[in-house]
Every structure is written in structure tokens, then in C-alpha cells.
Amino acid sequence: MSKLKVTGKIKTIKPLEIGKTKEDKGWSKVSFLLETNETYNNLYCFNIFSMDNSERNNVENFIKFNKEKQKVDVDFNVKTTEWDGRHFTELSAWKIFKAEESIAAPELNESETDDLPF
């Protein structure tokens, strides 16, 4: 599968969810909405999931370094699970970083464009 990536602004960061597995291991999850400038399909809901005993807690890092209205690039995987004959699809973000701001080209005055030979 090819690498999936999208750029947009964080619209909403949902409240942190915390729980325990059947084996009594702790986990945490945060979801966030990302809005792009695309005409269609411009809103994505991503999940970040971490086990509490993991070396790098992705959820804590996301909350620490990101905020709403921030422009970010998100690398993600699409994951589908089946339960009781039903299928659920989620977007799992695995790399989030500040997006590079594009440098706008200087605007030309109409008087400057009149001097062109063509």
C-alpha cells in the first residue's frame, strides 16, 4: 500500500479517552478533526492510540505539541475491523508534523505587466 498523507488545519481536538484492556493494561486515545482546502472530502477524523507502557506515548506527544487551527501534515493508515458482522474503518495517524508554509510569489502591478514584449 502506498503512503497516505494529507495536509490541513486541526479543526477540533476531541477529549482524551483512557481505558484498560482485558489483561488490565492501560491505553489512551485521542481523536482530532483535520480540515483541508479540498472541494470534496475535506474533513478527516484521525485517531491516535497508545498503550501506557509503550516507550513513546504518541497521545501525550500529540497533545503536547499540537493545537487547534495549526496547519499540519499527517501520515496515516486506514484500518478496518470486523465485529459481529459489521465493519468499522478508522484513520490511524502515525506521524504528525507542522506543515511547511508555502512562500507566496510577489504580486505584479498591472503597470509592470504592460512593459512585457508579448
PDB file of N, CA and C in Angstrom:
ATOM      1  N   MET A   1       0.840  -1.178   0.000  1.00  0.00           N
ATOM      2  CA  MET A   1       0.000   0.000   0.000  1.00  0.00           C
ATOM      3  C   MET A   1       0.884   1.239   0.000  1.00  0.00           C
ATOM      4  N   SER A   2       0.496   2.228  -0.762  1.00  0.00           N
ATOM      5  CA  SER A   2       1.275   3.460  -0.807  1.00  0.00           C
ATOM      6  C   SER A   2       1.061   4.283   0.460  1.00  0.00           C
ATOM      7  N   LYS A   3       1.996   5.163   0.694  1.00  0.00           N
ATOM      8  CA  LYS A   3       1.948   6.020   1.879  1.00  0.00           C
ATOM      9  C   LYS A   3       0.798   7.023   1.727  1.00  0.00           C
ATOM     10  N   LEU A   4      -0.030   7.142   2.745  1.00  0.00           N
ATOM     11  CA  LEU A   4      -1.147   8.069   2.731  1.00  0.00           C
ATOM     12  C   LEU A   4      -0.786   9.305   3.537  1.00  0.00           C
ATOM     13  N   LYS A   5      -1.012  10.469   2.950  1.00  0.00           N
ATOM     14  CA  LYS A   5      -0.635  11.724   3.581  1.00  0.00           C
ATOM     15  C   LYS A   5      -1.659  12.791   3.212  1.00  0.00           C
ATOM     16  N   VAL A   6      -1.958  13.669   4.168  1.00  0.00           N
ATOM     17  CA  VAL A   6      -2.872  14.778   3.921  1.00  0.00           C
ATOM     18  C   VAL A   6      -2.382  15.984   4.717  1.00  0.00           C
ATOM     19  N   THR A   7      -2.632  17.176   4.175  1.00  0.00           N
ATOM     20  CA  THR A   7      -2.262  18.422   4.838  1.00  0.00           C
ATOM     21  C   THR A   7      -3.517  19.230   5.098  1.00  0.00           C
ATOM     22  N   GLY A   8      -3.605  19.808   6.285  1.00  0.00           N
ATOM     23  CA  GLY A   8      -4.754  20.640   6.621  1.00  0.00           C
ATOM     24  C   GLY A   8      -4.573  21.295   7.973  1.00  0.00           C
ATOM     25  N   LYS A   9      -5.643  21.948   8.425  1.00  0.00           N
ATOM     26  CA  LYS A   9      -5.626  22.593   9.741  1.00  0.00           C
ATOM     27  C   LYS A   9      -6.428  21.759  10.728  1.00  0.00           C
ATOM     28  N   ILE A  10      -5.903  21.660  11.951  1.00  0.00           N
ATOM     29  CA  ILE A  10      -6.615  20.939  13.001  1.00  0.00           C
ATOM     30  C   ILE A  10      -7.838  21.765  13.383  1.00  0.00           C
ATOM     31  N   LYS A  11      -9.009  21.205  13.135  1.00  0.00           N
ATOM     32  CA  LYS A  11     -10.260  21.911  13.431  1.00  0.00           C
ATOM     33  C   LYS A  11     -10.661  21.714  14.890  1.00  0.00           C
ATOM     34  N   THR A  12     -10.609  20.461  15.339  1.00  0.00           N
ATOM     35  CA  THR A  12     -11.032  20.131  16.702  1.00  0.00           C
ATOM     36  C   THR A  12     -10.177  19.003  17.247  1.00  0.00           C
ATOM     37  N   ILE A  13      -9.787  19.115  18.508  1.00  0.00           N
ATOM     38  CA  ILE A  13      -9.138  18.010  19.210  1.00  0.00           C
ATOM     39  C   ILE A  13     -10.142  17.500  20.232  1.00  0.00           C
ATOM     40  N   LYS A  14     -10.525  16.249  20.088  1.00  0.00           N
ATOM     41  CA  LYS A  14     -11.527  15.633  20.970  1.00  0.00           C
ATOM     42  C   LYS A  14     -10.918  15.334  22.343  1.00  0.00           C
ATOM     43  N   PRO A  15     -11.759  15.163  23.363  1.00  0.00           N
ATOM     44  CA  PRO A  15     -11.249  14.841  24.700  1.00  0.00           C
ATOM     45  C   PRO A  15     -10.495  13.503  24.728  1.00  0.00           C
ATOM     46  N   LEU A  16      -9.505  13.441  25.585  1.00  0.00           N
ATOM     47  CA  LEU A  16      -8.690  12.245  25.768  1.00  0.00           C
ATOM     48  C   LEU A  16      -9.554  11.110  26.317  1.00  0.00           C
ATOM     49  N   GLU A  17      -9.377   9.911  25.750  1.00  0.00           N
ATOM     50  CA  GLU A  17     -10.060   8.714  26.248  1.00  0.00           C
ATOM     51  C   GLU A  17      -9.016   7.801  26.883  1.00  0.00           C
ATOM     52  N   ILE A  18      -9.339   7.249  28.051  1.00  0.00           N
ATOM     53  CA  ILE A  18      -8.422   6.361  28.771  1.00  0.00           C
ATOM     54  C   ILE A  18      -9.195   5.117  29.177  1.00  0.00           C
ATOM     55  N   GLY A  19      -8.535   3.953  29.078  1.00  0.00           N
ATOM     56  CA  GLY A  19      -9.203   2.712  29.462  1.00  0.00           C
ATOM     57  C   GLY A  19      -8.216   1.619  29.786  1.00  0.00           C
ATOM     58  N   LYS A  20      -8.750   0.420  30.034  1.00  0.00           N
ATOM     59  CA  LYS A  20      -7.921  -0.751  30.344  1.00  0.00           C
ATOM     60  C   LYS A  20      -8.372  -1.912  29.471  1.00  0.00           C
ATOM     61  N   THR A  21      -7.400  -2.737  29.077  1.00  0.00           N
ATOM     62  CA  THR A  21      -7.705  -3.928  28.298  1.00  0.00           C
ATOM     63  C   THR A  21      -8.175  -5.039  29.230  1.00  0.00           C
ATOM     64  N   LYS A  22      -8.575  -6.167  28.658  1.00  0.00           N
ATOM     65  CA  LYS A  22      -8.971  -7.331  29.465  1.00  0.00           C
ATOM     66  C   LYS A  22      -7.814  -7.829  30.325  1.00  0.00           C
ATOM     67  N   GLU A  23      -6.598  -7.597  29.821  1.00  0.00           N
ATOM     68  CA  GLU A  23      -5.397  -8.016  30.558  1.00  0.00           C
ATOM     69  C   GLU A  23      -4.959  -6.957  31.559  1.00  0.00           C
ATOM     70  N   ASP A  24      -5.775  -5.945  31.802  1.00  0.00           N
ATOM     71  CA  ASP A  24      -5.532  -4.870  32.767  1.00  0.00           C
ATOM     72  C   ASP A  24      -4.351  -3.980  32.378  1.00  0.00           C
ATOM     73  N   LYS A  25      -4.130  -3.830  31.071  1.00  0.00           N
ATOM     74  CA  LYS A  25      -3.107  -2.913  30.576  1.00  0.00           C
ATOM     75  C   LYS A  25      -3.793  -1.609  30.181  1.00  0.00           C
ATOM     76  N   GLY A  26      -3.175  -0.502  30.525  1.00  0.00           N
ATOM     77  CA  GLY A  26      -3.765   0.798  30.236  1.00  0.00           C
ATOM     78  C   GLY A  26      -3.559   1.230  28.791  1.00  0.00           C
ATOM     79  N   TRP A  27      -4.510   1.982  28.272  1.00  0.00           N
ATOM     80  CA  TRP A  27      -4.389   2.551  26.930  1.00  0.00           C
ATOM     81  C   TRP A  27      -4.970   3.962  26.938  1.00  0.00           C
ATOM     82  N   SER A  28      -4.586   4.746  25.932  1.00  0.00           N
ATOM     83  CA  SER A  28      -5.142   6.089  25.774  1.00  0.00           C
ATOM     84  C   SER A  28      -5.355   6.349  24.288  1.00  0.00           C
ATOM     85  N   LYS A  29      -6.321   7.211  24.007  1.00  0.00           N
ATOM     86  CA  LYS A  29      -6.689   7.501  22.627  1.00  0.00           C
ATOM     87  C   LYS A  29      -7.165   8.941  22.535  1.00  0.00           C
ATOM     88  N   VAL A  30      -6.763   9.621  21.469  1.00  0.00           N
ATOM     89  CA  VAL A  30      -7.262  10.964  21.193  1.00  0.00           C
ATOM     90  C   VAL A  30      -7.632  11.003  19.711  1.00  0.00           C
ATOM     91  N   SER A  31      -8.713  11.692  19.408  1.00  0.00           N
ATOM     92  CA  SER A  31      -9.159  11.883  18.030  1.00  0.00           C
ATOM     93  C   SER A  31      -9.109  13.366  17.707  1.00  0.00           C
ATOM     94  N   PHE A  32      -8.872  13.669  16.436  1.00  0.00           N
ATOM     95  CA  PHE A  32      -8.895  15.063  16.019  1.00  0.00           C
ATOM     96  C   PHE A  32      -9.439  15.179  14.607  1.00  0.00           C
ATOM     97  N   LEU A  33     -10.083  16.297  14.342  1.00  0.00           N
ATOM     98  CA  LEU A  33     -10.622  16.580  13.018  1.00  0.00           C
ATOM     99  C   LEU A  33      -9.641  17.458  12.271  1.00  0.00           C
ATOM    100  N   LEU A  34      -9.370  17.093  11.028  1.00  0.00           N
ATOM    101  CA  LEU A  34      -8.474  17.854  10.168  1.00  0.00           C
ATOM    102  C   LEU A  34      -9.282  18.346   8.971  1.00  0.00           C
ATOM    103  N   GLU A  35      -9.193  19.639   8.710  1.00  0.00           N
ATOM    104  CA  GLU A  35      -9.925  20.237   7.598  1.00  0.00           C
ATOM    105  C   GLU A  35      -8.934  20.671   6.523  1.00  0.00           C
ATOM    106  N   THR A  36      -9.208  20.276   5.275  1.00  0.00           N
ATOM    107  CA  THR A  36      -8.336  20.635   4.157  1.00  0.00           C
ATOM    108  C   THR A  36      -9.024  21.684   3.288  1.00  0.00           C
ATOM    109  N   ASN A  37      -8.315  22.161   2.287  1.00  0.00           N
ATOM    110  CA  ASN A  37      -8.869  23.149   1.357  1.00  0.00           C
ATOM    111  C   ASN A  37      -9.526  22.500   0.145  1.00  0.00           C
ATOM    112  N   GLU A  38      -9.643  21.190   0.139  1.00  0.00           N
ATOM    113  CA  GLU A  38     -10.242  20.483  -0.990  1.00  0.00           C
ATOM    114  C   GLU A  38     -11.734  20.808  -1.099  1.00  0.00           C
ATOM    115  N   THR A  39     -12.256  20.735  -2.318  1.00  0.00           N
ATOM    116  CA  THR A  39     -13.682  20.997  -2.537  1.00  0.00           C
ATOM    117  C   THR A  39     -14.535  19.883  -1.951  1.00  0.00           C
ATOM    118  N   TYR A  40     -14.146  18.643  -2.204  1.00  0.00           N
ATOM    119  CA  TYR A  40     -14.872  17.476  -1.688  1.00  0.00           C
ATOM    120  C   TYR A  40     -13.955  16.701  -0.749  1.00  0.00           C
ATOM    121  N   ASN A  41     -14.559  15.941   0.133  1.00  0.00           N
ATOM    122  CA  ASN A  41     -13.803  15.127   1.088  1.00  0.00           C
ATOM    123  C   ASN A  41     -12.750  15.970   1.812  1.00  0.00           C
ATOM    124  N   ASN A  42     -13.187  17.042   2.428  1.00  0.00           N
ATOM    125  CA  ASN A  42     -12.244  17.968   3.049  1.00  0.00           C
ATOM    126  C   ASN A  42     -12.203  17.879   4.571  1.00  0.00           C
ATOM    127  N   LEU A  43     -12.835  16.887   5.164  1.00  0.00           N
ATOM    128  CA  LEU A  43     -12.816  16.728   6.614  1.00  0.00           C
ATOM    129  C   LEU A  43     -12.463  15.283   6.955  1.00  0.00           C
ATOM    130  N   TYR A  44     -11.425  15.121   7.779  1.00  0.00           N
ATOM    131  CA  TYR A  44     -10.950  13.801   8.178  1.00  0.00           C
ATOM    132  C   TYR A  44     -10.956  13.705   9.693  1.00  0.00           C
ATOM    133  N   CYS A  45     -11.324  12.540  10.214  1.00  0.00           N
ATOM    134  CA  CYS A  45     -11.236  12.293  11.654  1.00  0.00           C
ATOM    135  C   CYS A  45     -10.168  11.225  11.879  1.00  0.00           C
ATOM    136  N   PHE A  46      -9.082  11.630  12.542  1.00  0.00           N
ATOM    137  CA  PHE A  46      -7.956  10.729  12.803  1.00  0.00           C
ATOM    138  C   PHE A  46      -7.968  10.293  14.261  1.00  0.00           C
ATOM    139  N   ASN A  47      -7.438   9.094  14.500  1.00  0.00           N
ATOM    140  CA  ASN A  47      -7.252   8.568  15.850  1.00  0.00           C
ATOM    141  C   ASN A  47      -5.769   8.359  16.104  1.00  0.00           C
ATOM    142  N   ILE A  48      -5.360   8.604  17.338  1.00  0.00           N
ATOM    143  CA  ILE A  48      -4.011   8.278  17.791  1.00  0.00           C
ATOM    144  C   ILE A  48      -4.191   7.415  19.028  1.00  0.00           C
ATOM    145  N   PHE A  49      -3.560   6.262  19.027  1.00  0.00           N
ATOM    146  CA  PHE A  49      -3.745   5.277  20.093  1.00  0.00           C
ATOM    147  C   PHE A  49      -2.394   4.909  20.672  1.00  0.00           C
ATOM    148  N   SER A  50      -2.314   4.773  21.992  1.00  0.00           N
ATOM    149  CA  SER A  50      -1.082   4.357  22.664  1.00  0.00           C
ATOM    150  C   SER A  50      -1.397   3.457  23.848  1.00  0.00           C
ATOM    151  N   MET A  51      -0.535   2.481  24.031  1.00  0.00           N
ATOM    152  CA  MET A  51      -0.572   1.691  25.255  1.00  0.00           C
ATOM    153  C   MET A  51       0.264   2.441  26.279  1.00  0.00           C
ATOM    154  N   ASP A  52      -0.164   2.481  27.520  1.00  0.00           N
ATOM    155  CA  ASP A  52       0.533   3.258  28.547  1.00  0.00           C
ATOM    156  C   ASP A  52       1.945   2.786  28.806  1.00  0.00           C
ATOM    157  N   ASN A  53       2.213   1.511  28.575  1.00  0.00           N
ATOM    158  CA  ASN A  53       3.546   1.002  28.863  1.00  0.00           C
ATOM    159  C   ASN A  53       4.500   1.145  27.677  1.00  0.00           C
ATOM    160  N   SER A  54       4.053   1.797  26.613  1.00  0.00           N
ATOM    161  CA  SER A  54       4.936   1.956  25.450  1.00  0.00           C
ATOM    162  C   SER A  54       6.008   3.005  25.740  1.00  0.00           C
ATOM    163  N   GLU A  55       7.171   2.856  25.103  1.00  0.00           N
ATOM    164  CA  GLU A  55       8.275   3.789  25.316  1.00  0.00           C
ATOM    165  C   GLU A  55       7.889   5.203  24.907  1.00  0.00           C
ATOM    166  N   ARG A  56       7.302   5.331  23.748  1.00  0.00           N
ATOM    167  CA  ARG A  56       6.910   6.646  23.246  1.00  0.00           C
ATOM    168  C   ARG A  56       5.399   6.722  23.258  1.00  0.00           C
ATOM    169  N   ASN A  57       4.856   7.578  24.064  1.00  0.00           N
ATOM    170  CA  ASN A  57       3.414   7.707  24.139  1.00  0.00           C
ATOM    171  C   ASN A  57       2.963   8.746  23.112  1.00  0.00           C
ATOM    172  N   ASN A  58       2.464   8.261  21.981  1.00  0.00           N
ATOM    173  CA  ASN A  58       2.062   9.124  20.877  1.00  0.00           C
ATOM    174  C   ASN A  58       0.946  10.088  21.258  1.00  0.00           C
ATOM    175  N   VAL A  59       0.037   9.655  22.111  1.00  0.00           N
ATOM    176  CA  VAL A  59      -1.076  10.509  22.521  1.00  0.00           C
ATOM    177  C   VAL A  59      -0.564  11.718  23.302  1.00  0.00           C
ATOM    178  N   GLU A  60       0.309  11.479  24.265  1.00  0.00           N
ATOM    179  CA  GLU A  60       0.863  12.581  25.054  1.00  0.00           C
ATOM    180  C   GLU A  60       1.639  13.555  24.174  1.00  0.00           C
ATOM    181  N   ASN A  61       2.421  13.036  23.228  1.00  0.00           N
ATOM    182  CA  ASN A  61       3.179  13.900  22.332  1.00  0.00           C
ATOM    183  C   ASN A  61       2.260  14.737  21.448  1.00  0.00           C
ATOM    184  N   PHE A  62       1.192  14.138  20.950  1.00  0.00           N
ATOM    185  CA  PHE A  62       0.248  14.896  20.118  1.00  0.00           C
ATOM    186  C   PHE A  62      -0.362  16.049  20.907  1.00  0.00           C
ATOM    187  N   ILE A  63      -0.831  15.762  22.102  1.00  0.00           N
ATOM    188  CA  ILE A  63      -1.473  16.792  22.932  1.00  0.00           C
ATOM    189  C   ILE A  63      -0.466  17.880  23.307  1.00  0.00           C
ATOM    190  N   LYS A  64       0.757  17.495  23.574  1.00  0.00           N
ATOM    191  CA  LYS A  64       1.792  18.436  23.994  1.00  0.00           C
ATOM    192  C   LYS A  64       2.201  19.391  22.872  1.00  0.00           C
ATOM    193  N   PHE A  65       2.310  18.888  21.636  1.00  0.00           N
ATOM    194  CA  PHE A  65       2.885  19.678  20.553  1.00  0.00           C
ATOM    195  C   PHE A  65       1.894  20.219  19.521  1.00  0.00           C
ATOM    196  N   ASN A  66       0.609  19.927  19.656  1.00  0.00           N
ATOM    197  CA  ASN A  66      -0.367  20.363  18.659  1.00  0.00           C
ATOM    198  C   ASN A  66      -1.514  21.116  19.301  1.00  0.00           C
ATOM    199  N   LYS A  67      -2.128  21.992  18.508  1.00  0.00           N
ATOM    200  CA  LYS A  67      -3.269  22.761  18.990  1.00  0.00           C
ATOM    201  C   LYS A  67      -4.217  23.012  17.825  1.00  0.00           C
ATOM    202  N   GLU A  68      -5.430  23.418  18.146  1.00  0.00           N
ATOM    203  CA  GLU A  68      -6.424  23.702  17.119  1.00  0.00           C
ATOM    204  C   GLU A  68      -5.968  24.881  16.265  1.00  0.00           C
ATOM    205  N   LYS A  69      -6.354  24.870  15.011  1.00  0.00           N
ATOM    206  CA  LYS A  69      -6.034  25.875  13.988  1.00  0.00           C
ATOM    207  C   LYS A  69      -4.592  25.794  13.493  1.00  0.00           C
ATOM    208  N   GLN A  70      -3.848  24.813  13.945  1.00  0.00           N
ATOM    209  CA  GLN A  70      -2.467  24.631  13.499  1.00  0.00           C
ATOM    210  C   GLN A  70      -2.470  23.844  12.193  1.00  0.00           C
ATOM    211  N   LYS A  71      -1.633  24.251  11.233  1.00  0.00           N
ATOM    212  CA  LYS A  71      -1.528  23.556   9.959  1.00  0.00           C
ATOM    213  C   LYS A  71      -0.503  22.429  10.097  1.00  0.00           C
ATOM    214  N   VAL A  72      -0.923  21.216   9.750  1.00  0.00           N
ATOM    215  CA  VAL A  72      -0.068  20.044   9.922  1.00  0.00           C
ATOM    216  C   VAL A  72      -0.134  19.130   8.700  1.00  0.00           C
ATOM    217  N   ASP A  73       0.906  18.315   8.558  1.00  0.00           N
ATOM    218  CA  ASP A  73       0.924  17.201   7.620  1.00  0.00           C
ATOM    219  C   ASP A  73       0.698  15.949   8.452  1.00  0.00           C
ATOM    220  N   VAL A  74      -0.163  15.055   7.960  1.00  0.00           N
ATOM    221  CA  VAL A  74      -0.473  13.833   8.698  1.00  0.00           C
ATOM    222  C   VAL A  74      -0.217  12.635   7.794  1.00  0.00           C
ATOM    223  N   ASP A  75       0.637  11.718   8.245  1.00  0.00           N
ATOM    224  CA  ASP A  75       0.811  10.423   7.598  1.00  0.00           C
ATOM    225  C   ASP A  75      -0.076   9.449   8.364  1.00  0.00           C
ATOM    226  N   PHE A  76      -0.797   8.602   7.627  1.00  0.00           N
ATOM    227  CA  PHE A  76      -1.769   7.747   8.311  1.00  0.00           C
ATOM    228  C   PHE A  76      -1.980   6.426   7.590  1.00  0.00           C
ATOM    229  N   ASN A  77      -2.600   5.498   8.296  1.00  0.00           N
ATOM    230  CA  ASN A  77      -3.017   4.204   7.762  1.00  0.00           C
ATOM    231  C   ASN A  77      -4.530   4.109   7.872  1.00  0.00           C
ATOM    232  N   VAL A  78      -5.124   3.354   6.963  1.00  0.00           N
ATOM    233  CA  VAL A  78      -6.554   3.062   7.028  1.00  0.00           C
ATOM    234  C   VAL A  78      -6.682   1.666   7.614  1.00  0.00           C
ATOM    235  N   LYS A  79      -7.491   1.544   8.660  1.00  0.00           N
ATOM    236  CA  LYS A  79      -7.642   0.267   9.347  1.00  0.00           C
ATOM    237  C   LYS A  79      -9.131  -0.089   9.414  1.00  0.00           C
ATOM    238  N   THR A  80      -9.471  -1.289   9.003  1.00  0.00           N
ATOM    239  CA  THR A  80     -10.857  -1.759   9.075  1.00  0.00           C
ATOM    240  C   THR A  80     -10.905  -3.006   9.943  1.00  0.00           C
ATOM    241  N   THR A  81     -11.840  -3.025  10.888  1.00  0.00           N
ATOM    242  CA  THR A  81     -12.034  -4.191  11.740  1.00  0.00           C
ATOM    243  C   THR A  81     -13.469  -4.681  11.589  1.00  0.00           C
ATOM    244  N   GLU A  82     -13.668  -5.969  11.875  1.00  0.00           N
ATOM    245  CA  GLU A  82     -14.992  -6.576  11.789  1.00  0.00           C
ATOM    246  C   GLU A  82     -15.428  -7.003  13.180  1.00  0.00           C
ATOM    247  N   TRP A  83     -16.663  -6.688  13.520  1.00  0.00           N
ATOM    248  CA  TRP A  83     -17.231  -7.116  14.791  1.00  0.00           C
ATOM    249  C   TRP A  83     -18.703  -7.426  14.580  1.00  0.00           C
ATOM    250  N   ASP A  84     -19.094  -8.628  14.902  1.00  0.00           N
ATOM    251  CA  ASP A  84     -20.497  -9.043  14.848  1.00  0.00           C
ATOM    252  C   ASP A  84     -21.097  -8.811  13.454  1.00  0.00           C
ATOM    253  N   GLY A  85     -20.308  -9.102  12.420  1.00  0.00           N
ATOM    254  CA  GLY A  85     -20.795  -8.971  11.054  1.00  0.00           C
ATOM    255  C   GLY A  85     -20.800  -7.551  10.515  1.00  0.00           C
ATOM    256  N   ARG A  86     -20.326  -6.617  11.302  1.00  0.00           N
ATOM    257  CA  ARG A  86     -20.262  -5.219  10.862  1.00  0.00           C
ATOM    258  C   ARG A  86     -18.805  -4.803  10.729  1.00  0.00           C
ATOM    259  N   HIS A  87     -18.549  -3.849   9.842  1.00  0.00           N
ATOM    260  CA  HIS A  87     -17.188  -3.387   9.604  1.00  0.00           C
ATOM    261  C   HIS A  87     -17.040  -1.931  10.009  1.00  0.00           C
ATOM    262  N   PHE A  88     -15.918  -1.632  10.647  1.00  0.00           N
ATOM    263  CA  PHE A  88     -15.630  -0.288  11.124  1.00  0.00           C
ATOM    264  C   PHE A  88     -14.270   0.138  10.571  1.00  0.00           C
ATOM    265  N   THR A  89     -14.224   1.322   9.980  1.00  0.00           N
ATOM    266  CA  THR A  89     -12.997   1.839   9.393  1.00  0.00           C
ATOM    267  C   THR A  89     -12.544   3.069  10.151  1.00  0.00           C
ATOM    268  N   GLU A  90     -11.248   3.137  10.437  1.00  0.00           N
ATOM    269  CA  GLU A  90     -10.701   4.310  11.116  1.00  0.00           C
ATOM    270  C   GLU A  90      -9.401   4.723  10.445  1.00  0.00           C
ATOM    271  N   LEU A  91      -9.089   6.003  10.586  1.00  0.00           N
ATOM    272  CA  LEU A  91      -7.840   6.555  10.075  1.00  0.00           C
ATOM    273  C   LEU A  91      -6.888   6.696  11.253  1.00  0.00           C
ATOM    274  N   SER A  92      -5.812   5.939  11.236  1.00  0.00           N
ATOM    275  CA  SER A  92      -4.840   5.934  12.335  1.00  0.00           C
ATOM    276  C   SER A  92      -3.637   6.787  11.963  1.00  0.00           C
ATOM    277  N   ALA A  93      -3.513   7.940  12.600  1.00  0.00           N
ATOM    278  CA  ALA A  93      -2.381   8.822  12.346  1.00  0.00           C
ATOM    279  C   ALA A  93      -1.148   8.257  13.035  1.00  0.00           C
ATOM    280  N   TRP A  94      -0.032   8.226  12.308  1.00  0.00           N
ATOM    281  CA  TRP A  94       1.204   7.715  12.915  1.00  0.00           C
ATOM    282  C   TRP A  94       2.350   8.717  12.842  1.00  0.00           C
ATOM    283  N   LYS A  95       2.173   9.787  12.079  1.00  0.00           N
ATOM    284  CA  LYS A  95       3.201  10.829  12.041  1.00  0.00           C
ATOM    285  C   LYS A  95       2.504  12.160  11.776  1.00  0.00           C
ATOM    286  N   ILE A  96       2.720  13.116  12.660  1.00  0.00           N
ATOM    287  CA  ILE A  96       2.098  14.437  12.533  1.00  0.00           C
ATOM    288  C   ILE A  96       3.190  15.470  12.750  1.00  0.00           C
ATOM    289  N   PHE A  97       3.301  16.405  11.823  1.00  0.00           N
ATOM    290  CA  PHE A  97       4.296  17.453  11.968  1.00  0.00           C
ATOM    291  C   PHE A  97       3.781  18.735  11.344  1.00  0.00           C
ATOM    292  N   LYS A  98       4.333  19.857  11.772  1.00  0.00           N
ATOM    293  CA  LYS A  98       3.909  21.152  11.259  1.00  0.00           C
ATOM    294  C   LYS A  98       4.146  21.211   9.766  1.00  0.00           C
ATOM    295  N   ALA A  99       3.142  21.716   9.046  1.00  0.00           N
ATOM    296  CA  ALA A  99       3.246  21.819   7.593  1.00  0.00           C
ATOM    297  C   ALA A  99       4.127  22.994   7.222  1.00  0.00           C
ATOM    298  N   GLU A 100       4.839  22.831   6.145  1.00  0.00           N
ATOM    299  CA  GLU A 100       5.662  23.917   5.626  1.00  0.00           C
ATOM    300  C   GLU A 100       4.739  24.980   5.044  1.00  0.00           C
ATOM    301  N   GLU A 101       4.956  26.211   5.431  1.00  0.00           N
ATOM    302  CA  GLU A 101       4.179  27.308   4.875  1.00  0.00           C
ATOM    303  C   GLU A 101       4.738  27.624   3.496  1.00  0.00           C
ATOM    304  N   SER A 102       3.857  27.668   2.511  1.00  0.00           N
ATOM    305  CA  SER A 102       4.327  27.971   1.163  1.00  0.00           C
ATOM    306  C   SER A 102       4.635  29.463   1.053  1.00  0.00           C
ATOM    307  N   ILE A 103       5.656  29.767   0.297  1.00  0.00           N
ATOM    308  CA  ILE A 103       6.052  31.157   0.104  1.00  0.00           C
ATOM    309  C   ILE A 103       5.297  31.682  -1.107  1.00  0.00           C
ATOM    310  N   ALA A 104       4.496  32.700  -0.895  1.00  0.00           N
ATOM    311  CA  ALA A 104       3.688  33.252  -1.978  1.00  0.00           C
ATOM    312  C   ALA A 104       4.571  34.057  -2.920  1.00  0.00           C
ATOM    313  N   ALA A 105       4.285  33.927  -4.215  1.00  0.00           N
ATOM    314  CA  ALA A 105       5.016  34.712  -5.212  1.00  0.00           C
ATOM    315  C   ALA A 105       4.579  36.166  -5.113  1.00  0.00           C
ATOM    316  N   PRO A 106       5.493  37.105  -5.328  1.00  0.00           N
ATOM    317  CA  PRO A 106       5.115  38.513  -5.235  1.00  0.00           C
ATOM    318  C   PRO A 106       4.102  38.865  -6.320  1.00  0.00           C
ATOM    319  N   GLU A 107       3.144  39.680  -5.941  1.00  0.00           N
ATOM    320  CA  GLU A 107       2.124  40.090  -6.896  1.00  0.00           C
ATOM    321  C   GLU A 107       2.682  41.187  -7.792  1.00  0.00           C
ATOM    322  N   LEU A 108       2.262  41.168  -9.054  1.00  0.00           N
ATOM    323  CA  LEU A 108       2.707  42.167 -10.015  1.00  0.00           C
ATOM    324  C   LEU A 108       1.650  43.240 -10.162  1.00  0.00           C
ATOM    325  N   ASN A 109       2.086  44.464 -10.283  1.00  0.00           N
ATOM    326  CA  ASN A 109       1.166  45.559 -10.582  1.00  0.00           C
ATOM    327  C   ASN A 109       0.822  45.504 -12.056  1.00  0.00           C
ATOM    328  N   GLU A 110      -0.355  45.970 -12.406  1.00  0.00           N
ATOM    329  CA  GLU A 110      -0.751  45.977 -13.807  1.00  0.00           C
ATOM    330  C   GLU A 110       0.200  46.826 -14.620  1.00  0.00           C
ATOM    331  N   SER A 111       0.716  47.910 -14.067  1.00  0.00           N
ATOM    332  CA  SER A 111       1.630  48.776 -14.809  1.00  0.00           C
ATOM    333  C   SER A 111       2.925  48.051 -15.137  1.00  0.00           C
ATOM    334  N   GLU A 112       3.362  47.110 -14.296  1.00  0.00           N
ATOM    335  CA  GLU A 112       4.564  46.346 -14.541  1.00  0.00           C
ATOM    336  C   GLU A 112       4.357  45.351 -15.658  1.00  0.00           C
ATOM    337  N   THR A 113       3.157  44.800 -15.777  1.00  0.00           N
ATOM    338  CA  THR A 113       2.903  43.784 -16.796  1.00  0.00           C
ATOM    339  C   THR A 113       2.725  44.413 -18.173  1.00  0.00           C
ATOM    340  N   ASP A 114       2.446  45.712 -18.276  1.00  0.00           N
ATOM    341  CA  ASP A 114       2.272  46.369 -19.571  1.00  0.00           C
ATOM    342  C   ASP A 114       3.578  46.474 -20.329  1.00  0.00           C
ATOM    343  N   ASP A 115       4.708  46.390 -19.678  1.00  0.00           N
ATOM    344  CA  ASP A 115       6.000  46.554 -20.314  1.00  0.00           C
ATOM    345  C   ASP A 115       6.505  45.285 -20.984  1.00  0.00           C
ATOM    346  N   LEU A 116       5.773  44.189 -20.884  1.00  0.00           N
ATOM    347  CA  LEU A 116       6.220  42.926 -21.450  1.00  0.00           C
ATOM    348  C   LEU A 116       6.122  42.986 -22.972  1.00  0.00           C
ATOM    349  N   PRO A 117       7.100  42.402 -23.694  1.00  0.00           N
ATOM    350  CA  PRO A 117       7.120  42.478 -25.151  1.00  0.00           C
ATOM    351  C   PRO A 117       6.126  41.551 -25.825  1.00  0.00           C
ATOM    352  N   PHE A 118       5.426  40.736 -25.133  1.00  0.00           N
ATOM    353  CA  PHE A 118       4.476  39.810 -25.782  1.00  0.00           C
ATOM    354  C   PHE A 118       3.112  39.926 -25.195  1.00  0.00           C
TER     355      PHE A 118
END
